[in-house]
C-alpha cells in the first residue's frame, strides 16, 4: 500500500474495492 508497481512511494492513498472492505455497494 506504500509503494507503487515501480517501487516508488505512492502519491495518493490506495482505494480498496468495497468487496475487500467487507461491505457491498
PDBML (XML) file of the C-alpha atoms, coordinates in Angstrom:
<?xml version="1.0" encoding="UTF-8" ?>
<PDBx:datablock datablockName="MODEL"
   xmlns:PDBx="http://pdbml.pdb.org/schema/pdbx-v50.xsd"
   xmlns:xsi="http://www.w3.org/2001/XMLSchema-instance"
   xsi:schemaLocation="http://pdbml.pdb.org/schema/pdbx-v50.xsd pdbx-v50.xsd">
   <PDBx:atom_siteCategory>
      <PDBx:atom_site id="1">
         <PDBx:B_iso_or_equiv>0.00</PDBx:B_iso_or_equiv>
         <PDBx:Cartn_x>0.000</PDBx:Cartn_x>
         <PDBx:Cartn_y>0.000</PDBx:Cartn_y>
         <PDBx:Cartn_z>0.000</PDBx:Cartn_z>
         <PDBx:auth_asym_id>A</PDBx:auth_asym_id>
         <PDBx:auth_atom_id>CA</PDBx:auth_atom_id>
         <PDBx:auth_comp_id>UNK</PDBx:auth_comp_id>
         <PDBx:auth_seq_id>1</PDBx:auth_seq_id>
         <PDBx:group_PDB>ATOM</PDBx:group_PDB>
         <PDBx:label_alt_id xsi:nil="true" />
         <PDBx:label_asym_id>A</PDBx:label_asym_id>
         <PDBx:label_atom_id>CA</PDBx:label_atom_id>
         <PDBx:label_comp_id>UNK</PDBx:label_comp_id>
         <PDBx:label_entity_id>1</PDBx:label_entity_id>
         <PDBx:label_seq_id>1</PDBx:label_seq_id>
         <PDBx:occupancy>1.00</PDBx:occupancy>
         <PDBx:pdbx_PDB_model_num>1</PDBx:pdbx_PDB_model_num>
         <PDBx:type_symbol>C</PDBx:type_symbol>
      </PDBx:atom_site>
      <PDBx:atom_site id="2">
         <PDBx:B_iso_or_equiv>0.00</PDBx:B_iso_or_equiv>
         <PDBx:Cartn_x>3.005</PDBx:Cartn_x>
         <PDBx:Cartn_y>2.298</PDBx:Cartn_y>
         <PDBx:Cartn_z>0.475</PDBx:Cartn_z>
         <PDBx:auth_asym_id>A</PDBx:auth_asym_id>
         <PDBx:auth_atom_id>CA</PDBx:auth_atom_id>
         <PDBx:auth_comp_id>UNK</PDBx:auth_comp_id>
         <PDBx:auth_seq_id>2</PDBx:auth_seq_id>
         <PDBx:group_PDB>ATOM</PDBx:group_PDB>
         <PDBx:label_alt_id xsi:nil="true" />
         <PDBx:label_asym_id>A</PDBx:label_asym_id>
         <PDBx:label_atom_id>CA</PDBx:label_atom_id>
         <PDBx:label_comp_id>UNK</PDBx:label_comp_id>
         <PDBx:label_entity_id>1</PDBx:label_entity_id>
         <PDBx:label_seq_id>2</PDBx:label_seq_id>
         <PDBx:occupancy>1.00</PDBx:occupancy>
         <PDBx:pdbx_PDB_model_num>1</PDBx:pdbx_PDB_model_num>
         <PDBx:type_symbol>C</PDBx:type_symbol>
      </PDBx:atom_site>
      <PDBx:atom_site id="3">
         <PDBx:B_iso_or_equiv>0.00</PDBx:B_iso_or_equiv>
         <PDBx:Cartn_x>4.833</PDBx:Cartn_x>
         <PDBx:Cartn_y>1.647</PDBx:Cartn_y>
         <PDBx:Cartn_z>-2.831</PDBx:Cartn_z>
         <PDBx:auth_asym_id>A</PDBx:auth_asym_id>
         <PDBx:auth_atom_id>CA</PDBx:auth_atom_id>
         <PDBx:auth_comp_id>UNK</PDBx:auth_comp_id>
         <PDBx:auth_seq_id>3</PDBx:auth_seq_id>
         <PDBx:group_PDB>ATOM</PDBx:group_PDB>
         <PDBx:label_alt_id xsi:nil="true" />
         <PDBx:label_asym_id>A</PDBx:label_asym_id>
         <PDBx:label_atom_id>CA</PDBx:label_atom_id>
         <PDBx:label_comp_id>UNK</PDBx:label_comp_id>
         <PDBx:label_entity_id>1</PDBx:label_entity_id>
         <PDBx:label_seq_id>3</PDBx:label_seq_id>
         <PDBx:occupancy>1.00</PDBx:occupancy>
         <PDBx:pdbx_PDB_model_num>1</PDBx:pdbx_PDB_model_num>
         <PDBx:type_symbol>C</PDBx:type_symbol>
      </PDBx:atom_site>
      <PDBx:atom_site id="4">
         <PDBx:B_iso_or_equiv>0.00</PDBx:B_iso_or_equiv>
         <PDBx:Cartn_x>3.587</PDBx:Cartn_x>
         <PDBx:Cartn_y>1.553</PDBx:Cartn_y>
         <PDBx:Cartn_z>-6.411</PDBx:Cartn_z>
         <PDBx:auth_asym_id>A</PDBx:auth_asym_id>
         <PDBx:auth_atom_id>CA</PDBx:auth_atom_id>
         <PDBx:auth_comp_id>UNK</PDBx:auth_comp_id>
         <PDBx:auth_seq_id>4</PDBx:auth_seq_id>
         <PDBx:group_PDB>ATOM</PDBx:group_PDB>
         <PDBx:label_alt_id xsi:nil="true" />
         <PDBx:label_asym_id>A</PDBx:label_asym_id>
         <PDBx:label_atom_id>CA</PDBx:label_atom_id>
         <PDBx:label_comp_id>UNK</PDBx:label_comp_id>
         <PDBx:label_entity_id>1</PDBx:label_entity_id>
         <PDBx:label_seq_id>4</PDBx:label_seq_id>
         <PDBx:occupancy>1.00</PDBx:occupancy>
         <PDBx:pdbx_PDB_model_num>1</PDBx:pdbx_PDB_model_num>
         <PDBx:type_symbol>C</PDBx:type_symbol>
      </PDBx:atom_site>
      <PDBx:atom_site id="5">
         <PDBx:B_iso_or_equiv>0.00</PDBx:B_iso_or_equiv>
         <PDBx:Cartn_x>4.477</PDBx:Cartn_x>
         <PDBx:Cartn_y>-1.105</PDBx:Cartn_y>
         <PDBx:Cartn_z>-9.031</PDBx:Cartn_z>
         <PDBx:auth_asym_id>A</PDBx:auth_asym_id>
         <PDBx:auth_atom_id>CA</PDBx:auth_atom_id>
         <PDBx:auth_comp_id>UNK</PDBx:auth_comp_id>
         <PDBx:auth_seq_id>5</PDBx:auth_seq_id>
         <PDBx:group_PDB>ATOM</PDBx:group_PDB>
         <PDBx:label_alt_id xsi:nil="true" />
         <PDBx:label_asym_id>A</PDBx:label_asym_id>
         <PDBx:label_atom_id>CA</PDBx:label_atom_id>
         <PDBx:label_comp_id>UNK</PDBx:label_comp_id>
         <PDBx:label_entity_id>1</PDBx:label_entity_id>
         <PDBx:label_seq_id>5</PDBx:label_seq_id>
         <PDBx:occupancy>1.00</PDBx:occupancy>
         <PDBx:pdbx_PDB_model_num>1</PDBx:pdbx_PDB_model_num>
         <PDBx:type_symbol>C</PDBx:type_symbol>
      </PDBx:atom_site>
      <PDBx:atom_site id="6">
         <PDBx:B_iso_or_equiv>0.00</PDBx:B_iso_or_equiv>
         <PDBx:Cartn_x>7.768</PDBx:Cartn_x>
         <PDBx:Cartn_y>0.689</PDBx:Cartn_y>
         <PDBx:Cartn_z>-9.826</PDBx:Cartn_z>
         <PDBx:auth_asym_id>A</PDBx:auth_asym_id>
         <PDBx:auth_atom_id>CA</PDBx:auth_atom_id>
         <PDBx:auth_comp_id>UNK</PDBx:auth_comp_id>
         <PDBx:auth_seq_id>6</PDBx:auth_seq_id>
         <PDBx:group_PDB>ATOM</PDBx:group_PDB>
         <PDBx:label_alt_id xsi:nil="true" />
         <PDBx:label_asym_id>A</PDBx:label_asym_id>
         <PDBx:label_atom_id>CA</PDBx:label_atom_id>
         <PDBx:label_comp_id>UNK</PDBx:label_comp_id>
         <PDBx:label_entity_id>1</PDBx:label_entity_id>
         <PDBx:label_seq_id>6</PDBx:label_seq_id>
         <PDBx:occupancy>1.00</PDBx:occupancy>
         <PDBx:pdbx_PDB_model_num>1</PDBx:pdbx_PDB_model_num>
         <PDBx:type_symbol>C</PDBx:type_symbol>
      </PDBx:atom_site>
      <PDBx:atom_site id="7">
         <PDBx:B_iso_or_equiv>0.00</PDBx:B_iso_or_equiv>
         <PDBx:Cartn_x>8.826</PDBx:Cartn_x>
         <PDBx:Cartn_y>0.575</PDBx:Cartn_y>
         <PDBx:Cartn_z>-6.161</PDBx:Cartn_z>
         <PDBx:auth_asym_id>A</PDBx:auth_asym_id>
         <PDBx:auth_atom_id>CA</PDBx:auth_atom_id>
         <PDBx:auth_comp_id>UNK</PDBx:auth_comp_id>
         <PDBx:auth_seq_id>7</PDBx:auth_seq_id>
         <PDBx:group_PDB>ATOM</PDBx:group_PDB>
         <PDBx:label_alt_id xsi:nil="true" />
         <PDBx:label_asym_id>A</PDBx:label_asym_id>
         <PDBx:label_atom_id>CA</PDBx:label_atom_id>
         <PDBx:label_comp_id>UNK</PDBx:label_comp_id>
         <PDBx:label_entity_id>1</PDBx:label_entity_id>
         <PDBx:label_seq_id>7</PDBx:label_seq_id>
         <PDBx:occupancy>1.00</PDBx:occupancy>
         <PDBx:pdbx_PDB_model_num>1</PDBx:pdbx_PDB_model_num>
         <PDBx:type_symbol>C</PDBx:type_symbol>
      </PDBx:atom_site>
      <PDBx:atom_site id="8">
         <PDBx:B_iso_or_equiv>0.00</PDBx:B_iso_or_equiv>
         <PDBx:Cartn_x>8.391</PDBx:Cartn_x>
         <PDBx:Cartn_y>4.317</PDBx:Cartn_y>
         <PDBx:Cartn_z>-5.642</PDBx:Cartn_z>
         <PDBx:auth_asym_id>A</PDBx:auth_asym_id>
         <PDBx:auth_atom_id>CA</PDBx:auth_atom_id>
         <PDBx:auth_comp_id>UNK</PDBx:auth_comp_id>
         <PDBx:auth_seq_id>8</PDBx:auth_seq_id>
         <PDBx:group_PDB>ATOM</PDBx:group_PDB>
         <PDBx:label_alt_id xsi:nil="true" />
         <PDBx:label_asym_id>A</PDBx:label_asym_id>
         <PDBx:label_atom_id>CA</PDBx:label_atom_id>
         <PDBx:label_comp_id>UNK</PDBx:label_comp_id>
         <PDBx:label_entity_id>1</PDBx:label_entity_id>
         <PDBx:label_seq_id>8</PDBx:label_seq_id>
         <PDBx:occupancy>1.00</PDBx:occupancy>
         <PDBx:pdbx_PDB_model_num>1</PDBx:pdbx_PDB_model_num>
         <PDBx:type_symbol>C</PDBx:type_symbol>
      </PDBx:atom_site>
      <PDBx:atom_site id="9">
         <PDBx:B_iso_or_equiv>0.00</PDBx:B_iso_or_equiv>
         <PDBx:Cartn_x>6.338</PDBx:Cartn_x>
         <PDBx:Cartn_y>5.876</PDBx:Cartn_y>
         <PDBx:Cartn_z>-2.815</PDBx:Cartn_z>
         <PDBx:auth_asym_id>A</PDBx:auth_asym_id>
         <PDBx:auth_atom_id>CA</PDBx:auth_atom_id>
         <PDBx:auth_comp_id>UNK</PDBx:auth_comp_id>
         <PDBx:auth_seq_id>9</PDBx:auth_seq_id>
         <PDBx:group_PDB>ATOM</PDBx:group_PDB>
         <PDBx:label_alt_id xsi:nil="true" />
         <PDBx:label_asym_id>A</PDBx:label_asym_id>
         <PDBx:label_atom_id>CA</PDBx:label_atom_id>
         <PDBx:label_comp_id>UNK</PDBx:label_comp_id>
         <PDBx:label_entity_id>1</PDBx:label_entity_id>
         <PDBx:label_seq_id>9</PDBx:label_seq_id>
         <PDBx:occupancy>1.00</PDBx:occupancy>
         <PDBx:pdbx_PDB_model_num>1</PDBx:pdbx_PDB_model_num>
         <PDBx:type_symbol>C</PDBx:type_symbol>
      </PDBx:atom_site>
      <PDBx:atom_site id="10">
         <PDBx:B_iso_or_equiv>0.00</PDBx:B_iso_or_equiv>
         <PDBx:Cartn_x>2.657</PDBx:Cartn_x>
         <PDBx:Cartn_y>6.345</PDBx:Cartn_y>
         <PDBx:Cartn_z>-3.705</PDBx:Cartn_z>
         <PDBx:auth_asym_id>A</PDBx:auth_asym_id>
         <PDBx:auth_atom_id>CA</PDBx:auth_atom_id>
         <PDBx:auth_comp_id>UNK</PDBx:auth_comp_id>
         <PDBx:auth_seq_id>10</PDBx:auth_seq_id>
         <PDBx:group_PDB>ATOM</PDBx:group_PDB>
         <PDBx:label_alt_id xsi:nil="true" />
         <PDBx:label_asym_id>A</PDBx:label_asym_id>
         <PDBx:label_atom_id>CA</PDBx:label_atom_id>
         <PDBx:label_comp_id>UNK</PDBx:label_comp_id>
         <PDBx:label_entity_id>1</PDBx:label_entity_id>
         <PDBx:label_seq_id>10</PDBx:label_seq_id>
         <PDBx:occupancy>1.00</PDBx:occupancy>
         <PDBx:pdbx_PDB_model_num>1</PDBx:pdbx_PDB_model_num>
         <PDBx:type_symbol>C</PDBx:type_symbol>
      </PDBx:atom_site>
      <PDBx:atom_site id="11">
         <PDBx:B_iso_or_equiv>0.00</PDBx:B_iso_or_equiv>
         <PDBx:Cartn_x>1.398</PDBx:Cartn_x>
         <PDBx:Cartn_y>9.894</PDBx:Cartn_y>
         <PDBx:Cartn_z>-4.164</PDBx:Cartn_z>
         <PDBx:auth_asym_id>A</PDBx:auth_asym_id>
         <PDBx:auth_atom_id>CA</PDBx:auth_atom_id>
         <PDBx:auth_comp_id>UNK</PDBx:auth_comp_id>
         <PDBx:auth_seq_id>11</PDBx:auth_seq_id>
         <PDBx:group_PDB>ATOM</PDBx:group_PDB>
         <PDBx:label_alt_id xsi:nil="true" />
         <PDBx:label_asym_id>A</PDBx:label_asym_id>
         <PDBx:label_atom_id>CA</PDBx:label_atom_id>
         <PDBx:label_comp_id>UNK</PDBx:label_comp_id>
         <PDBx:label_entity_id>1</PDBx:label_entity_id>
         <PDBx:label_seq_id>11</PDBx:label_seq_id>
         <PDBx:occupancy>1.00</PDBx:occupancy>
         <PDBx:pdbx_PDB_model_num>1</PDBx:pdbx_PDB_model_num>
         <PDBx:type_symbol>C</PDBx:type_symbol>
      </PDBx:atom_site>
      <PDBx:atom_site id="12">
         <PDBx:B_iso_or_equiv>0.00</PDBx:B_iso_or_equiv>
         <PDBx:Cartn_x>-2.214</PDBx:Cartn_x>
         <PDBx:Cartn_y>9.125</PDBx:Cartn_y>
         <PDBx:Cartn_z>-3.282</PDBx:Cartn_z>
         <PDBx:auth_asym_id>A</PDBx:auth_asym_id>
         <PDBx:auth_atom_id>CA</PDBx:auth_atom_id>
         <PDBx:auth_comp_id>UNK</PDBx:auth_comp_id>
         <PDBx:auth_seq_id>12</PDBx:auth_seq_id>
         <PDBx:group_PDB>ATOM</PDBx:group_PDB>
         <PDBx:label_alt_id xsi:nil="true" />
         <PDBx:label_asym_id>A</PDBx:label_asym_id>
         <PDBx:label_atom_id>CA</PDBx:label_atom_id>
         <PDBx:label_comp_id>UNK</PDBx:label_comp_id>
         <PDBx:label_entity_id>1</PDBx:label_entity_id>
         <PDBx:label_seq_id>12</PDBx:label_seq_id>
         <PDBx:occupancy>1.00</PDBx:occupancy>
         <PDBx:pdbx_PDB_model_num>1</PDBx:pdbx_PDB_model_num>
         <PDBx:type_symbol>C</PDBx:type_symbol>
      </PDBx:atom_site>
      <PDBx:atom_site id="13">
         <PDBx:B_iso_or_equiv>0.00</PDBx:B_iso_or_equiv>
         <PDBx:Cartn_x>-3.971</PDBx:Cartn_x>
         <PDBx:Cartn_y>6.712</PDBx:Cartn_y>
         <PDBx:Cartn_z>-0.949</PDBx:Cartn_z>
         <PDBx:auth_asym_id>A</PDBx:auth_asym_id>
         <PDBx:auth_atom_id>CA</PDBx:auth_atom_id>
         <PDBx:auth_comp_id>UNK</PDBx:auth_comp_id>
         <PDBx:auth_seq_id>13</PDBx:auth_seq_id>
         <PDBx:group_PDB>ATOM</PDBx:group_PDB>
         <PDBx:label_alt_id xsi:nil="true" />
         <PDBx:label_asym_id>A</PDBx:label_asym_id>
         <PDBx:label_atom_id>CA</PDBx:label_atom_id>
         <PDBx:label_comp_id>UNK</PDBx:label_comp_id>
         <PDBx:label_entity_id>1</PDBx:label_entity_id>
         <PDBx:label_seq_id>13</PDBx:label_seq_id>
         <PDBx:occupancy>1.00</PDBx:occupancy>
         <PDBx:pdbx_PDB_model_num>1</PDBx:pdbx_PDB_model_num>
         <PDBx:type_symbol>C</PDBx:type_symbol>
      </PDBx:atom_site>
      <PDBx:atom_site id="14">
         <PDBx:B_iso_or_equiv>0.00</PDBx:B_iso_or_equiv>
         <PDBx:Cartn_x>-4.984</PDBx:Cartn_x>
         <PDBx:Cartn_y>3.309</PDBx:Cartn_y>
         <PDBx:Cartn_z>-2.332</PDBx:Cartn_z>
         <PDBx:auth_asym_id>A</PDBx:auth_asym_id>
         <PDBx:auth_atom_id>CA</PDBx:auth_atom_id>
         <PDBx:auth_comp_id>UNK</PDBx:auth_comp_id>
         <PDBx:auth_seq_id>14</PDBx:auth_seq_id>
         <PDBx:group_PDB>ATOM</PDBx:group_PDB>
         <PDBx:label_alt_id xsi:nil="true" />
         <PDBx:label_asym_id>A</PDBx:label_asym_id>
         <PDBx:label_atom_id>CA</PDBx:label_atom_id>
         <PDBx:label_comp_id>UNK</PDBx:label_comp_id>
         <PDBx:label_entity_id>1</PDBx:label_entity_id>
         <PDBx:label_seq_id>14</PDBx:label_seq_id>
         <PDBx:occupancy>1.00</PDBx:occupancy>
         <PDBx:pdbx_PDB_model_num>1</PDBx:pdbx_PDB_model_num>
         <PDBx:type_symbol>C</PDBx:type_symbol>
      </PDBx:atom_site>
      <PDBx:atom_site id="15">
         <PDBx:B_iso_or_equiv>0.00</PDBx:B_iso_or_equiv>
         <PDBx:Cartn_x>-8.747</PDBx:Cartn_x>
         <PDBx:Cartn_y>2.829</PDBx:Cartn_y>
         <PDBx:Cartn_z>-2.536</PDBx:Cartn_z>
         <PDBx:auth_asym_id>A</PDBx:auth_asym_id>
         <PDBx:auth_atom_id>CA</PDBx:auth_atom_id>
         <PDBx:auth_comp_id>UNK</PDBx:auth_comp_id>
         <PDBx:auth_seq_id>15</PDBx:auth_seq_id>
         <PDBx:group_PDB>ATOM</PDBx:group_PDB>
         <PDBx:label_alt_id xsi:nil="true" />
         <PDBx:label_asym_id>A</PDBx:label_asym_id>
         <PDBx:label_atom_id>CA</PDBx:label_atom_id>
         <PDBx:label_comp_id>UNK</PDBx:label_comp_id>
         <PDBx:label_entity_id>1</PDBx:label_entity_id>
         <PDBx:label_seq_id>15</PDBx:label_seq_id>
         <PDBx:occupancy>1.00</PDBx:occupancy>
         <PDBx:pdbx_PDB_model_num>1</PDBx:pdbx_PDB_model_num>
         <PDBx:type_symbol>C</PDBx:type_symbol>
      </PDBx:atom_site>
      <PDBx:atom_site id="16">
         <PDBx:B_iso_or_equiv>0.00</PDBx:B_iso_or_equiv>
         <PDBx:Cartn_x>-9.760</PDBx:Cartn_x>
         <PDBx:Cartn_y>-0.732</PDBx:Cartn_y>
         <PDBx:Cartn_z>-1.744</PDBx:Cartn_z>
         <PDBx:auth_asym_id>A</PDBx:auth_asym_id>
         <PDBx:auth_atom_id>CA</PDBx:auth_atom_id>
         <PDBx:auth_comp_id>UNK</PDBx:auth_comp_id>
         <PDBx:auth_seq_id>16</PDBx:auth_seq_id>
         <PDBx:group_PDB>ATOM</PDBx:group_PDB>
         <PDBx:label_alt_id xsi:nil="true" />
         <PDBx:label_asym_id>A</PDBx:label_asym_id>
         <PDBx:label_atom_id>CA</PDBx:label_atom_id>
         <PDBx:label_comp_id>UNK</PDBx:label_comp_id>
         <PDBx:label_entity_id>1</PDBx:label_entity_id>
         <PDBx:label_seq_id>16</PDBx:label_seq_id>
         <PDBx:occupancy>1.00</PDBx:occupancy>
         <PDBx:pdbx_PDB_model_num>1</PDBx:pdbx_PDB_model_num>
         <PDBx:type_symbol>C</PDBx:type_symbol>
      </PDBx:atom_site>
      <PDBx:atom_site id="17">
         <PDBx:B_iso_or_equiv>0.00</PDBx:B_iso_or_equiv>
         <PDBx:Cartn_x>-12.796</PDBx:Cartn_x>
         <PDBx:Cartn_y>-2.180</PDBx:Cartn_y>
         <PDBx:Cartn_z>-3.526</PDBx:Cartn_z>
         <PDBx:auth_asym_id>A</PDBx:auth_asym_id>
         <PDBx:auth_atom_id>CA</PDBx:auth_atom_id>
         <PDBx:auth_comp_id>UNK</PDBx:auth_comp_id>
         <PDBx:auth_seq_id>17</PDBx:auth_seq_id>
         <PDBx:group_PDB>ATOM</PDBx:group_PDB>
         <PDBx:label_alt_id xsi:nil="true" />
         <PDBx:label_asym_id>A</PDBx:label_asym_id>
         <PDBx:label_atom_id>CA</PDBx:label_atom_id>
         <PDBx:label_comp_id>UNK</PDBx:label_comp_id>
         <PDBx:label_entity_id>1</PDBx:label_entity_id>
         <PDBx:label_seq_id>17</PDBx:label_seq_id>
         <PDBx:occupancy>1.00</PDBx:occupancy>
         <PDBx:pdbx_PDB_model_num>1</PDBx:pdbx_PDB_model_num>
         <PDBx:type_symbol>C</PDBx:type_symbol>
      </PDBx:atom_site>
      <PDBx:atom_site id="18">
         <PDBx:B_iso_or_equiv>0.00</PDBx:B_iso_or_equiv>
         <PDBx:Cartn_x>-15.904</PDBx:Cartn_x>
         <PDBx:Cartn_y>-2.477</PDBx:Cartn_y>
         <PDBx:Cartn_z>-1.375</PDBx:Cartn_z>
         <PDBx:auth_asym_id>A</PDBx:auth_asym_id>
         <PDBx:auth_atom_id>CA</PDBx:auth_atom_id>
         <PDBx:auth_comp_id>UNK</PDBx:auth_comp_id>
         <PDBx:auth_seq_id>18</PDBx:auth_seq_id>
         <PDBx:group_PDB>ATOM</PDBx:group_PDB>
         <PDBx:label_alt_id xsi:nil="true" />
         <PDBx:label_asym_id>A</PDBx:label_asym_id>
         <PDBx:label_atom_id>CA</PDBx:label_atom_id>
         <PDBx:label_comp_id>UNK</PDBx:label_comp_id>
         <PDBx:label_entity_id>1</PDBx:label_entity_id>
         <PDBx:label_seq_id>18</PDBx:label_seq_id>
         <PDBx:occupancy>1.00</PDBx:occupancy>
         <PDBx:pdbx_PDB_model_num>1</PDBx:pdbx_PDB_model_num>
         <PDBx:type_symbol>C</PDBx:type_symbol>
      </PDBx:atom_site>
      <PDBx:atom_site id="19">
         <PDBx:B_iso_or_equiv>0.00</PDBx:B_iso_or_equiv>
         <PDBx:Cartn_x>-15.787</PDBx:Cartn_x>
         <PDBx:Cartn_y>-6.282</PDBx:Cartn_y>
         <PDBx:Cartn_z>-1.666</PDBx:Cartn_z>
         <PDBx:auth_asym_id>A</PDBx:auth_asym_id>
         <PDBx:auth_atom_id>CA</PDBx:auth_atom_id>
         <PDBx:auth_comp_id>UNK</PDBx:auth_comp_id>
         <PDBx:auth_seq_id>19</PDBx:auth_seq_id>
         <PDBx:group_PDB>ATOM</PDBx:group_PDB>
         <PDBx:label_alt_id xsi:nil="true" />
         <PDBx:label_asym_id>A</PDBx:label_asym_id>
         <PDBx:label_atom_id>CA</PDBx:label_atom_id>
         <PDBx:label_comp_id>UNK</PDBx:label_comp_id>
         <PDBx:label_entity_id>1</PDBx:label_entity_id>
         <PDBx:label_seq_id>19</PDBx:label_seq_id>
         <PDBx:occupancy>1.00</PDBx:occupancy>
         <PDBx:pdbx_PDB_model_num>1</PDBx:pdbx_PDB_model_num>
         <PDBx:type_symbol>C</PDBx:type_symbol>
      </PDBx:atom_site>
      <PDBx:atom_site id="20">
         <PDBx:B_iso_or_equiv>0.00</PDBx:B_iso_or_equiv>
         <PDBx:Cartn_x>-12.454</PDBx:Cartn_x>
         <PDBx:Cartn_y>-6.274</PDBx:Cartn_y>
         <PDBx:Cartn_z>0.193</PDBx:Cartn_z>
         <PDBx:auth_asym_id>A</PDBx:auth_asym_id>
         <PDBx:auth_atom_id>CA</PDBx:auth_atom_id>
         <PDBx:auth_comp_id>UNK</PDBx:auth_comp_id>
         <PDBx:auth_seq_id>20</PDBx:auth_seq_id>
         <PDBx:group_PDB>ATOM</PDBx:group_PDB>
         <PDBx:label_alt_id xsi:nil="true" />
         <PDBx:label_asym_id>A</PDBx:label_asym_id>
         <PDBx:label_atom_id>CA</PDBx:label_atom_id>
         <PDBx:label_comp_id>UNK</PDBx:label_comp_id>
         <PDBx:label_entity_id>1</PDBx:label_entity_id>
         <PDBx:label_seq_id>20</PDBx:label_seq_id>
         <PDBx:occupancy>1.00</PDBx:occupancy>
         <PDBx:pdbx_PDB_model_num>1</PDBx:pdbx_PDB_model_num>
         <PDBx:type_symbol>C</PDBx:type_symbol>
      </PDBx:atom_site>
      <PDBx:atom_site id="21">
         <PDBx:B_iso_or_equiv>0.00</PDBx:B_iso_or_equiv>
         <PDBx:Cartn_x>-13.721</PDBx:Cartn_x>
         <PDBx:Cartn_y>-3.816</PDBx:Cartn_y>
         <PDBx:Cartn_z>2.796</PDBx:Cartn_z>
         <PDBx:auth_asym_id>A</PDBx:auth_asym_id>
         <PDBx:auth_atom_id>CA</PDBx:auth_atom_id>
         <PDBx:auth_comp_id>UNK</PDBx:auth_comp_id>
         <PDBx:auth_seq_id>21</PDBx:auth_seq_id>
         <PDBx:group_PDB>ATOM</PDBx:group_PDB>
         <PDBx:label_alt_id xsi:nil="true" />
         <PDBx:label_asym_id>A</PDBx:label_asym_id>
         <PDBx:label_atom_id>CA</PDBx:label_atom_id>
         <PDBx:label_comp_id>UNK</PDBx:label_comp_id>
         <PDBx:label_entity_id>1</PDBx:label_entity_id>
         <PDBx:label_seq_id>21</PDBx:label_seq_id>
         <PDBx:occupancy>1.00</PDBx:occupancy>
         <PDBx:pdbx_PDB_model_num>1</PDBx:pdbx_PDB_model_num>
         <PDBx:type_symbol>C</PDBx:type_symbol>
      </PDBx:atom_site>
      <PDBx:atom_site id="22">
         <PDBx:B_iso_or_equiv>0.00</PDBx:B_iso_or_equiv>
         <PDBx:Cartn_x>-16.480</PDBx:Cartn_x>
         <PDBx:Cartn_y>-6.223</PDBx:Cartn_y>
         <PDBx:Cartn_z>3.836</PDBx:Cartn_z>
         <PDBx:auth_asym_id>A</PDBx:auth_asym_id>
         <PDBx:auth_atom_id>CA</PDBx:auth_atom_id>
         <PDBx:auth_comp_id>UNK</PDBx:auth_comp_id>
         <PDBx:auth_seq_id>22</PDBx:auth_seq_id>
         <PDBx:group_PDB>ATOM</PDBx:group_PDB>
         <PDBx:label_alt_id xsi:nil="true" />
         <PDBx:label_asym_id>A</PDBx:label_asym_id>
         <PDBx:label_atom_id>CA</PDBx:label_atom_id>
         <PDBx:label_comp_id>UNK</PDBx:label_comp_id>
         <PDBx:label_entity_id>1</PDBx:label_entity_id>
         <PDBx:label_seq_id>22</PDBx:label_seq_id>
         <PDBx:occupancy>1.00</PDBx:occupancy>
         <PDBx:pdbx_PDB_model_num>1</PDBx:pdbx_PDB_model_num>
         <PDBx:type_symbol>C</PDBx:type_symbol>
      </PDBx:atom_site>
      <PDBx:atom_site id="23">
         <PDBx:B_iso_or_equiv>0.00</PDBx:B_iso_or_equiv>
         <PDBx:Cartn_x>-19.414</PDBx:Cartn_x>
         <PDBx:Cartn_y>-4.190</PDBx:Cartn_y>
         <PDBx:Cartn_z>2.558</PDBx:Cartn_z>
         <PDBx:auth_asym_id>A</PDBx:auth_asym_id>
         <PDBx:auth_atom_id>CA</PDBx:auth_atom_id>
         <PDBx:auth_comp_id>UNK</PDBx:auth_comp_id>
         <PDBx:auth_seq_id>23</PDBx:auth_seq_id>
         <PDBx:group_PDB>ATOM</PDBx:group_PDB>
         <PDBx:label_alt_id xsi:nil="true" />
         <PDBx:label_asym_id>A</PDBx:label_asym_id>
         <PDBx:label_atom_id>CA</PDBx:label_atom_id>
         <PDBx:label_comp_id>UNK</PDBx:label_comp_id>
         <PDBx:label_entity_id>1</PDBx:label_entity_id>
         <PDBx:label_seq_id>23</PDBx:label_seq_id>
         <PDBx:occupancy>1.00</PDBx:occupancy>
         <PDBx:pdbx_PDB_model_num>1</PDBx:pdbx_PDB_model_num>
         <PDBx:type_symbol>C</PDBx:type_symbol>
      </PDBx:atom_site>
      <PDBx:atom_site id="24">
         <PDBx:B_iso_or_equiv>0.00</PDBx:B_iso_or_equiv>
         <PDBx:Cartn_x>-21.373</PDBx:Cartn_x>
         <PDBx:Cartn_y>-4.169</PDBx:Cartn_y>
         <PDBx:Cartn_z>-0.656</PDBx:Cartn_z>
         <PDBx:auth_asym_id>A</PDBx:auth_asym_id>
         <PDBx:auth_atom_id>CA</PDBx:auth_atom_id>
         <PDBx:auth_comp_id>UNK</PDBx:auth_comp_id>
         <PDBx:auth_seq_id>24</PDBx:auth_seq_id>
         <PDBx:group_PDB>ATOM</PDBx:group_PDB>
         <PDBx:label_alt_id xsi:nil="true" />
         <PDBx:label_asym_id>A</PDBx:label_asym_id>
         <PDBx:label_atom_id>CA</PDBx:label_atom_id>
         <PDBx:label_comp_id>UNK</PDBx:label_comp_id>
         <PDBx:label_entity_id>1</PDBx:label_entity_id>
         <PDBx:label_seq_id>24</PDBx:label_seq_id>
         <PDBx:occupancy>1.00</PDBx:occupancy>
         <PDBx:pdbx_PDB_model_num>1</PDBx:pdbx_PDB_model_num>
         <PDBx:type_symbol>C</PDBx:type_symbol>
      </PDBx:atom_site>
      <PDBx:atom_site id="25">
         <PDBx:B_iso_or_equiv>0.00</PDBx:B_iso_or_equiv>
         <PDBx:Cartn_x>-22.338</PDBx:Cartn_x>
         <PDBx:Cartn_y>-1.083</PDBx:Cartn_y>
         <PDBx:Cartn_z>-2.620</PDBx:Cartn_z>
         <PDBx:auth_asym_id>A</PDBx:auth_asym_id>
         <PDBx:auth_atom_id>CA</PDBx:auth_atom_id>
         <PDBx:auth_comp_id>UNK</PDBx:auth_comp_id>
         <PDBx:auth_seq_id>25</PDBx:auth_seq_id>
         <PDBx:group_PDB>ATOM</PDBx:group_PDB>
         <PDBx:label_alt_id xsi:nil="true" />
         <PDBx:label_asym_id>A</PDBx:label_asym_id>
         <PDBx:label_atom_id>CA</PDBx:label_atom_id>
         <PDBx:label_comp_id>UNK</PDBx:label_comp_id>
         <PDBx:label_entity_id>1</PDBx:label_entity_id>
         <PDBx:label_seq_id>25</PDBx:label_seq_id>
         <PDBx:occupancy>1.00</PDBx:occupancy>
         <PDBx:pdbx_PDB_model_num>1</PDBx:pdbx_PDB_model_num>
         <PDBx:type_symbol>C</PDBx:type_symbol>
      </PDBx:atom_site>
   </PDBx:atom_siteCategory>
</PDBx:datablock>
